[in-house]
């Protein structure tokens, strides 16, 4: 099982992108599009106060007939943000995401500082890599080859 800290190290970019609750949803969408990401942490004075995702836009703006330029992030963000610690495993993250129907989890250290954000895609990539390694090891074992 891989620790969250190791998953963060393997990511191409460890940057955590955020937005203020008083910014418009349009600003959030532009930032997500510019960065090629699906979620932004909503931060106020260095503290997580929410998370806003593409799903929030689809369900709370588009479907309700609101405009993204006139709606503030605080009006559509998810305020109850679940997070994980760097020492937690990919399996624990996957269970948390599945149980709560989440696609993104902030990673917070013991000092309550945000040190990363992992997505379901990051976890799937890690699990596939781990399974591929196990398969290769089993193939070597079966064929009698040394790795």
N, C-alpha and C. Protein backbone atom coordinates (compact mmCIF):
# COMPACT_ATOMS: atom_id res chain seq x y z
N UNK A 1 0.83 -1.18 0.00
CA UNK A 1 0.00 0.00 0.00
C UNK A 1 0.88 1.25 0.00
N UNK A 2 0.52 2.17 -0.83
CA UNK A 2 1.29 3.39 -0.99
C UNK A 2 0.76 4.46 -0.04
N UNK A 3 1.67 5.20 0.57
CA UNK A 3 1.28 6.32 1.43
C UNK A 3 0.97 7.53 0.56
N UNK A 4 0.07 8.37 1.04
CA UNK A 4 -0.31 9.59 0.33
C UNK A 4 0.91 10.46 0.04
N UNK A 5 1.86 10.52 0.98
CA UNK A 5 3.08 11.32 0.77
C UNK A 5 3.82 10.86 -0.48
N UNK A 6 3.86 9.54 -0.72
CA UNK A 6 4.54 9.00 -1.90
C UNK A 6 3.77 9.33 -3.18
N UNK A 7 2.45 9.32 -3.10
CA UNK A 7 1.63 9.68 -4.26
C UNK A 7 1.89 11.14 -4.63
N UNK A 8 1.96 12.00 -3.63
CA UNK A 8 2.24 13.42 -3.89
C UNK A 8 3.61 13.60 -4.55
N UNK A 9 4.61 12.84 -4.09
CA UNK A 9 5.96 12.93 -4.67
C UNK A 9 5.97 12.52 -6.14
N UNK A 10 5.11 11.57 -6.50
CA UNK A 10 5.11 11.05 -7.87
C UNK A 10 4.31 11.92 -8.85
N UNK A 11 3.56 12.88 -8.33
CA UNK A 11 2.77 13.74 -9.21
C UNK A 11 3.68 14.70 -9.97
N UNK A 12 3.29 14.99 -11.19
CA UNK A 12 4.06 15.91 -12.03
C UNK A 12 4.14 17.30 -11.39
N UNK A 13 3.06 17.73 -10.78
CA UNK A 13 3.04 19.03 -10.13
C UNK A 13 2.45 18.89 -8.74
N UNK A 14 3.12 19.47 -7.78
CA UNK A 14 2.60 19.42 -6.41
C UNK A 14 1.88 20.70 -6.03
N UNK A 15 1.69 21.59 -7.00
CA UNK A 15 1.02 22.86 -6.72
C UNK A 15 -0.42 22.63 -6.31
N UNK A 16 -0.84 23.38 -5.30
CA UNK A 16 -2.23 23.34 -4.86
C UNK A 16 -2.85 24.67 -5.28
N UNK A 17 -3.87 24.60 -6.08
CA UNK A 17 -4.52 25.81 -6.59
C UNK A 17 -5.74 26.12 -5.74
N UNK A 18 -5.91 27.40 -5.47
CA UNK A 18 -7.02 27.81 -4.60
C UNK A 18 -7.67 29.08 -5.12
N UNK A 19 -8.77 29.41 -4.48
CA UNK A 19 -9.53 30.60 -4.81
C UNK A 19 -10.18 31.11 -3.53
N UNK A 20 -10.54 32.37 -3.51
CA UNK A 20 -11.21 32.96 -2.34
C UNK A 20 -12.72 32.74 -2.44
N UNK A 21 -13.40 32.66 -1.32
CA UNK A 21 -14.85 32.46 -1.34
C UNK A 21 -15.60 33.64 -1.96
N UNK A 22 -14.97 34.80 -1.99
CA UNK A 22 -15.61 36.00 -2.54
C UNK A 22 -15.38 36.17 -4.04
N UNK A 23 -14.58 35.29 -4.64
CA UNK A 23 -14.39 35.33 -6.10
C UNK A 23 -15.61 34.75 -6.79
N UNK A 24 -15.76 35.10 -8.06
CA UNK A 24 -16.91 34.58 -8.80
C UNK A 24 -16.66 33.14 -9.26
N UNK A 25 -17.72 32.43 -9.51
CA UNK A 25 -17.62 31.08 -10.03
C UNK A 25 -16.95 31.11 -11.40
N UNK A 26 -17.20 32.18 -12.16
CA UNK A 26 -16.54 32.32 -13.46
C UNK A 26 -15.03 32.36 -13.30
N UNK A 27 -14.53 33.09 -12.29
CA UNK A 27 -13.10 33.12 -12.01
C UNK A 27 -12.59 31.72 -11.67
N UNK A 28 -13.37 30.98 -10.89
CA UNK A 28 -12.98 29.62 -10.52
C UNK A 28 -12.91 28.73 -11.75
N UNK A 29 -13.89 28.84 -12.63
CA UNK A 29 -13.90 28.03 -13.85
C UNK A 29 -12.71 28.36 -14.75
N UNK A 30 -12.41 29.65 -14.87
CA UNK A 30 -11.26 30.06 -15.68
C UNK A 30 -9.96 29.49 -15.11
N UNK A 31 -9.82 29.56 -13.80
CA UNK A 31 -8.60 29.05 -13.15
C UNK A 31 -8.49 27.54 -13.34
N UNK A 32 -9.59 26.82 -13.18
CA UNK A 32 -9.56 25.37 -13.39
C UNK A 32 -9.20 25.04 -14.83
N UNK A 33 -9.78 25.77 -15.77
CA UNK A 33 -9.49 25.53 -17.19
C UNK A 33 -8.03 25.84 -17.50
N UNK A 34 -7.52 26.95 -16.99
CA UNK A 34 -6.13 27.34 -17.22
C UNK A 34 -5.14 26.30 -16.67
N UNK A 35 -5.47 25.73 -15.54
CA UNK A 35 -4.57 24.78 -14.87
C UNK A 35 -4.84 23.33 -15.27
N UNK A 36 -5.94 23.10 -15.98
CA UNK A 36 -6.29 21.74 -16.39
C UNK A 36 -6.66 20.86 -15.21
N UNK A 37 -7.39 21.43 -14.27
CA UNK A 37 -7.78 20.70 -13.05
C UNK A 37 -9.29 20.74 -12.88
N UNK A 38 -9.80 19.90 -11.99
CA UNK A 38 -11.25 19.81 -11.80
C UNK A 38 -11.74 20.34 -10.47
N UNK A 39 -10.82 20.87 -9.65
CA UNK A 39 -11.24 21.38 -8.33
C UNK A 39 -10.26 22.42 -7.84
N UNK A 40 -10.78 23.32 -7.03
CA UNK A 40 -9.97 24.33 -6.36
C UNK A 40 -10.31 24.32 -4.88
N UNK A 41 -9.30 24.43 -4.05
CA UNK A 41 -9.56 24.62 -2.63
C UNK A 41 -10.00 26.07 -2.44
N UNK A 42 -10.97 26.26 -1.59
CA UNK A 42 -11.42 27.61 -1.26
C UNK A 42 -10.74 27.96 0.06
N UNK A 43 -9.87 28.99 -0.02
CA UNK A 43 -9.04 29.35 1.12
C UNK A 43 -9.34 30.76 1.60
N UNK A 44 -9.27 30.92 2.92
CA UNK A 44 -9.45 32.23 3.52
C UNK A 44 -8.46 32.34 4.68
N UNK A 45 -7.57 33.31 4.60
CA UNK A 45 -6.52 33.49 5.63
C UNK A 45 -5.71 32.21 5.86
N UNK A 46 -5.40 31.50 4.77
CA UNK A 46 -4.57 30.30 4.86
C UNK A 46 -5.29 29.06 5.36
N UNK A 47 -6.59 29.15 5.52
CA UNK A 47 -7.38 28.03 6.03
C UNK A 47 -8.36 27.56 4.96
N UNK A 48 -8.53 26.23 4.87
CA UNK A 48 -9.52 25.68 3.94
C UNK A 48 -10.91 25.96 4.49
N UNK A 49 -11.74 26.64 3.68
CA UNK A 49 -13.12 26.89 4.08
C UNK A 49 -14.09 26.16 3.16
N UNK A 50 -13.54 25.54 2.10
CA UNK A 50 -14.39 24.81 1.18
C UNK A 50 -13.60 24.27 0.01
N UNK A 51 -14.33 23.63 -0.89
CA UNK A 51 -13.77 23.15 -2.15
C UNK A 51 -14.83 23.38 -3.22
N UNK A 52 -14.40 23.81 -4.37
CA UNK A 52 -15.32 24.02 -5.49
C UNK A 52 -14.83 23.17 -6.65
N UNK A 53 -15.77 22.47 -7.28
CA UNK A 53 -15.42 21.53 -8.34
C UNK A 53 -16.26 21.77 -9.58
N UNK A 54 -15.86 21.11 -10.65
CA UNK A 54 -16.65 21.17 -11.89
C UNK A 54 -18.06 20.63 -11.63
N UNK A 55 -18.17 19.65 -10.78
CA UNK A 55 -19.47 19.08 -10.42
C UNK A 55 -20.35 20.13 -9.75
N UNK A 56 -19.76 20.96 -8.89
CA UNK A 56 -20.52 22.04 -8.24
C UNK A 56 -21.08 22.99 -9.29
N UNK A 57 -20.26 23.31 -10.29
CA UNK A 57 -20.73 24.18 -11.36
C UNK A 57 -21.92 23.55 -12.08
N UNK A 58 -21.77 22.30 -12.47
CA UNK A 58 -22.82 21.64 -13.24
C UNK A 58 -24.14 21.56 -12.47
N UNK A 59 -24.06 21.26 -11.19
CA UNK A 59 -25.27 21.04 -10.40
C UNK A 59 -25.84 22.30 -9.75
N UNK A 60 -24.98 23.25 -9.42
CA UNK A 60 -25.44 24.40 -8.65
C UNK A 60 -25.51 25.70 -9.46
N UNK A 61 -24.99 25.68 -10.66
CA UNK A 61 -25.05 26.86 -11.53
C UNK A 61 -25.87 26.53 -12.77
N UNK A 62 -25.32 25.67 -13.60
CA UNK A 62 -25.94 25.36 -14.89
C UNK A 62 -27.36 24.83 -14.74
N UNK A 63 -27.56 23.85 -13.88
CA UNK A 63 -28.88 23.24 -13.74
C UNK A 63 -29.90 24.15 -13.06
N UNK A 64 -29.43 25.11 -12.29
CA UNK A 64 -30.34 26.01 -11.57
C UNK A 64 -30.55 27.34 -12.29
N UNK A 65 -29.94 27.49 -13.46
CA UNK A 65 -30.14 28.69 -14.25
C UNK A 65 -29.42 29.92 -13.72
N UNK A 66 -28.43 29.74 -12.86
CA UNK A 66 -27.64 30.86 -12.36
C UNK A 66 -26.57 31.22 -13.39
N UNK A 67 -25.95 32.36 -13.20
CA UNK A 67 -24.83 32.71 -14.06
C UNK A 67 -23.55 32.62 -13.24
N UNK A 68 -22.51 32.12 -13.87
CA UNK A 68 -21.24 31.94 -13.17
C UNK A 68 -20.57 33.27 -12.87
N UNK A 69 -20.85 34.30 -13.65
CA UNK A 69 -20.24 35.61 -13.41
C UNK A 69 -20.87 36.31 -12.20
N UNK A 70 -22.16 36.05 -11.95
CA UNK A 70 -22.86 36.74 -10.87
C UNK A 70 -22.94 35.93 -9.57
N UNK A 71 -22.42 34.71 -9.58
CA UNK A 71 -22.50 33.85 -8.41
C UNK A 71 -21.13 33.75 -7.75
N UNK A 72 -21.09 33.88 -6.44
CA UNK A 72 -19.84 33.79 -5.71
C UNK A 72 -19.51 32.33 -5.40
N UNK A 73 -18.23 32.05 -5.28
CA UNK A 73 -17.76 30.70 -4.96
C UNK A 73 -18.40 30.21 -3.67
N UNK A 74 -18.51 31.08 -2.67
CA UNK A 74 -19.06 30.67 -1.37
C UNK A 74 -20.50 30.14 -1.49
N UNK A 75 -21.21 30.55 -2.55
CA UNK A 75 -22.60 30.14 -2.71
C UNK A 75 -22.74 28.74 -3.31
N UNK A 76 -21.66 28.19 -3.85
CA UNK A 76 -21.75 26.86 -4.48
C UNK A 76 -20.73 25.86 -3.95
N UNK A 77 -19.77 26.32 -3.15
CA UNK A 77 -18.71 25.44 -2.67
C UNK A 77 -19.25 24.42 -1.67
N UNK A 78 -18.51 23.35 -1.52
CA UNK A 78 -18.78 22.38 -0.48
C UNK A 78 -17.99 22.82 0.74
N UNK A 79 -18.69 23.09 1.84
CA UNK A 79 -18.03 23.62 3.03
C UNK A 79 -17.43 22.54 3.93
N UNK A 80 -18.05 21.39 3.96
CA UNK A 80 -17.57 20.30 4.81
C UNK A 80 -16.52 19.51 4.03
N UNK A 81 -15.27 19.93 4.14
CA UNK A 81 -14.20 19.34 3.35
C UNK A 81 -13.51 18.23 4.13
N UNK A 82 -13.55 17.04 3.57
CA UNK A 82 -12.80 15.92 4.15
C UNK A 82 -11.37 16.00 3.65
N UNK A 83 -10.43 15.55 4.46
CA UNK A 83 -9.02 15.59 4.07
C UNK A 83 -8.32 14.34 4.57
N UNK A 84 -7.10 14.14 4.08
CA UNK A 84 -6.28 13.02 4.54
C UNK A 84 -4.93 13.54 4.99
N UNK A 85 -4.23 12.69 5.71
CA UNK A 85 -2.88 12.99 6.18
C UNK A 85 -1.87 12.30 5.25
N UNK A 86 -0.64 12.79 5.20
CA UNK A 86 0.38 12.19 4.31
C UNK A 86 0.67 10.72 4.61
N UNK A 87 0.44 10.29 5.84
CA UNK A 87 0.75 8.91 6.22
C UNK A 87 -0.36 7.92 5.86
N UNK A 88 -1.51 8.41 5.47
CA UNK A 88 -2.60 7.52 5.12
C UNK A 88 -2.30 6.81 3.80
N UNK A 89 -2.96 5.66 3.60
CA UNK A 89 -2.69 4.84 2.43
C UNK A 89 -3.65 5.15 1.28
N UNK A 90 -3.25 4.71 0.10
CA UNK A 90 -4.11 4.87 -1.07
C UNK A 90 -5.43 4.12 -0.87
N UNK A 91 -5.38 2.99 -0.20
CA UNK A 91 -6.62 2.23 0.07
C UNK A 91 -7.56 3.00 0.98
N UNK A 92 -7.02 3.66 2.00
CA UNK A 92 -7.85 4.47 2.89
C UNK A 92 -8.48 5.63 2.13
N UNK A 93 -7.71 6.24 1.25
CA UNK A 93 -8.22 7.35 0.44
C UNK A 93 -9.33 6.87 -0.49
N UNK A 94 -9.09 5.74 -1.14
CA UNK A 94 -10.08 5.19 -2.06
C UNK A 94 -11.38 4.87 -1.33
N UNK A 95 -11.27 4.31 -0.14
CA UNK A 95 -12.47 4.00 0.66
C UNK A 95 -13.22 5.27 1.03
N UNK A 96 -12.48 6.30 1.45
CA UNK A 96 -13.09 7.58 1.83
C UNK A 96 -13.77 8.23 0.63
N UNK A 97 -13.10 8.20 -0.52
CA UNK A 97 -13.67 8.80 -1.72
C UNK A 97 -14.91 8.05 -2.18
N UNK A 98 -14.85 6.73 -2.15
CA UNK A 98 -15.98 5.91 -2.59
C UNK A 98 -17.18 6.11 -1.66
N UNK A 99 -16.93 6.05 -0.37
CA UNK A 99 -18.00 6.18 0.62
C UNK A 99 -18.69 7.53 0.55
N UNK A 100 -17.92 8.58 0.26
CA UNK A 100 -18.46 9.93 0.26
C UNK A 100 -18.67 10.52 -1.12
N UNK A 101 -18.45 9.70 -2.14
CA UNK A 101 -18.61 10.12 -3.54
C UNK A 101 -17.80 11.38 -3.86
N UNK A 102 -16.51 11.32 -3.53
CA UNK A 102 -15.60 12.44 -3.74
C UNK A 102 -14.64 12.12 -4.88
N UNK A 103 -14.14 13.15 -5.51
CA UNK A 103 -13.13 12.99 -6.56
C UNK A 103 -11.81 13.63 -6.18
N UNK A 104 -11.81 14.45 -5.11
CA UNK A 104 -10.61 15.18 -4.69
C UNK A 104 -10.52 15.20 -3.18
N UNK A 105 -9.28 15.05 -2.68
CA UNK A 105 -9.04 15.12 -1.24
C UNK A 105 -7.81 15.99 -0.97
N UNK A 106 -7.96 17.02 -0.16
CA UNK A 106 -6.78 17.78 0.25
C UNK A 106 -5.92 16.92 1.19
N UNK A 107 -4.63 17.15 1.14
CA UNK A 107 -3.70 16.48 2.05
C UNK A 107 -3.20 17.56 3.01
N UNK A 108 -3.41 17.32 4.31
CA UNK A 108 -3.09 18.30 5.34
C UNK A 108 -2.11 17.67 6.32
N UNK A 109 -1.04 18.40 6.64
CA UNK A 109 -0.06 17.85 7.59
C UNK A 109 -0.53 18.06 9.03
N UNK A 110 0.29 17.62 9.97
CA UNK A 110 -0.08 17.68 11.39
C UNK A 110 -0.20 19.10 11.91
N UNK A 111 0.38 20.05 11.18
CA UNK A 111 0.27 21.47 11.57
C UNK A 111 -0.89 22.16 10.88
N UNK A 112 -1.77 21.37 10.27
CA UNK A 112 -2.96 21.85 9.56
C UNK A 112 -2.63 22.66 8.31
N UNK A 113 -1.44 22.45 7.75
CA UNK A 113 -1.07 23.11 6.49
C UNK A 113 -1.42 22.21 5.33
N UNK A 114 -1.97 22.81 4.28
CA UNK A 114 -2.28 22.06 3.07
C UNK A 114 -0.96 21.80 2.34
N UNK A 115 -0.68 20.52 2.07
CA UNK A 115 0.56 20.19 1.38
C UNK A 115 0.31 19.55 0.01
N UNK A 116 -0.95 19.32 -0.31
CA UNK A 116 -1.26 18.75 -1.61
C UNK A 116 -2.73 18.48 -1.79
N UNK A 117 -3.05 17.99 -2.96
CA UNK A 117 -4.42 17.62 -3.29
C UNK A 117 -4.32 16.38 -4.17
N UNK A 118 -5.02 15.32 -3.79
CA UNK A 118 -5.01 14.12 -4.61
C UNK A 118 -6.39 13.90 -5.22
N UNK A 119 -6.37 13.36 -6.41
CA UNK A 119 -7.62 13.09 -7.12
C UNK A 119 -7.83 11.58 -7.24
N UNK A 120 -9.01 11.22 -7.63
CA UNK A 120 -9.30 9.81 -7.86
C UNK A 120 -8.39 9.28 -8.96
N UNK A 121 -8.05 10.13 -9.93
CA UNK A 121 -7.13 9.73 -10.99
C UNK A 121 -5.75 9.41 -10.46
N UNK A 122 -5.27 10.19 -9.49
CA UNK A 122 -3.97 9.91 -8.87
C UNK A 122 -3.99 8.54 -8.20
N UNK A 123 -5.08 8.23 -7.52
CA UNK A 123 -5.19 6.94 -6.83
C UNK A 123 -5.27 5.79 -7.80
N UNK A 124 -6.05 5.95 -8.85
CA UNK A 124 -6.17 4.89 -9.85
C UNK A 124 -4.81 4.63 -10.51
N UNK A 125 -4.10 5.69 -10.84
CA UNK A 125 -2.77 5.56 -11.44
C UNK A 125 -1.84 4.79 -10.51
N UNK A 126 -1.87 5.12 -9.22
CA UNK A 126 -1.02 4.44 -8.24
C UNK A 126 -1.39 2.97 -8.10
N UNK A 127 -2.67 2.68 -8.04
CA UNK A 127 -3.11 1.29 -7.88
C UNK A 127 -2.74 0.47 -9.11
N UNK A 128 -2.91 1.03 -10.30
CA UNK A 128 -2.53 0.32 -11.53
C UNK A 128 -1.03 0.05 -11.53
N UNK A 129 -0.24 1.02 -11.14
CA UNK A 129 1.21 0.86 -11.09
C UNK A 129 1.60 -0.25 -10.10
N UNK A 130 0.96 -0.25 -8.95
CA UNK A 130 1.23 -1.26 -7.93
C UNK A 130 0.84 -2.65 -8.43
N UNK A 131 -0.30 -2.77 -9.08
CA UNK A 131 -0.73 -4.06 -9.61
C UNK A 131 0.17 -4.55 -10.73
N UNK A 132 0.62 -3.63 -11.57
CA UNK A 132 1.54 -3.98 -12.65
C UNK A 132 2.84 -4.55 -12.07
N UNK A 133 3.36 -3.91 -11.03
CA UNK A 133 4.57 -4.40 -10.38
C UNK A 133 4.37 -5.80 -9.82
N UNK A 134 3.25 -6.03 -9.16
CA UNK A 134 2.96 -7.34 -8.58
C UNK A 134 2.86 -8.40 -9.68
N UNK A 135 2.20 -8.06 -10.77
CA UNK A 135 2.08 -9.01 -11.89
C UNK A 135 3.45 -9.36 -12.45
N UNK A 136 4.30 -8.34 -12.62
CA UNK A 136 5.66 -8.60 -13.13
C UNK A 136 6.43 -9.50 -12.19
N UNK A 137 6.32 -9.26 -10.90
CA UNK A 137 7.01 -10.10 -9.92
C UNK A 137 6.51 -11.54 -9.96
N UNK A 138 5.21 -11.70 -10.08
CA UNK A 138 4.64 -13.05 -10.18
C UNK A 138 5.08 -13.76 -11.46
N UNK A 139 5.14 -13.02 -12.56
CA UNK A 139 5.61 -13.61 -13.82
C UNK A 139 7.05 -14.09 -13.70
N UNK A 140 7.89 -13.27 -13.05
CA UNK A 140 9.28 -13.67 -12.83
C UNK A 140 9.36 -14.90 -11.94
N UNK A 141 8.54 -14.94 -10.91
CA UNK A 141 8.53 -16.08 -10.00
C UNK A 141 8.11 -17.35 -10.72
N UNK A 142 7.04 -17.24 -11.52
CA UNK A 142 6.51 -18.41 -12.24
C UNK A 142 7.52 -18.93 -13.26
N UNK A 143 8.14 -18.03 -13.97
CA UNK A 143 9.09 -18.44 -15.04
C UNK A 143 10.47 -18.72 -14.48
N UNK A 144 10.72 -18.43 -13.22
CA UNK A 144 12.03 -18.69 -12.63
C UNK A 144 13.07 -17.65 -12.94
N UNK A 145 12.66 -16.53 -13.53
CA UNK A 145 13.59 -15.45 -13.85
C UNK A 145 13.81 -14.59 -12.62
N UNK A 146 14.99 -14.00 -12.55
CA UNK A 146 15.25 -13.05 -11.46
C UNK A 146 14.95 -11.64 -11.94
N UNK A 147 14.41 -10.86 -11.07
CA UNK A 147 14.05 -9.48 -11.42
C UNK A 147 15.26 -8.60 -11.55
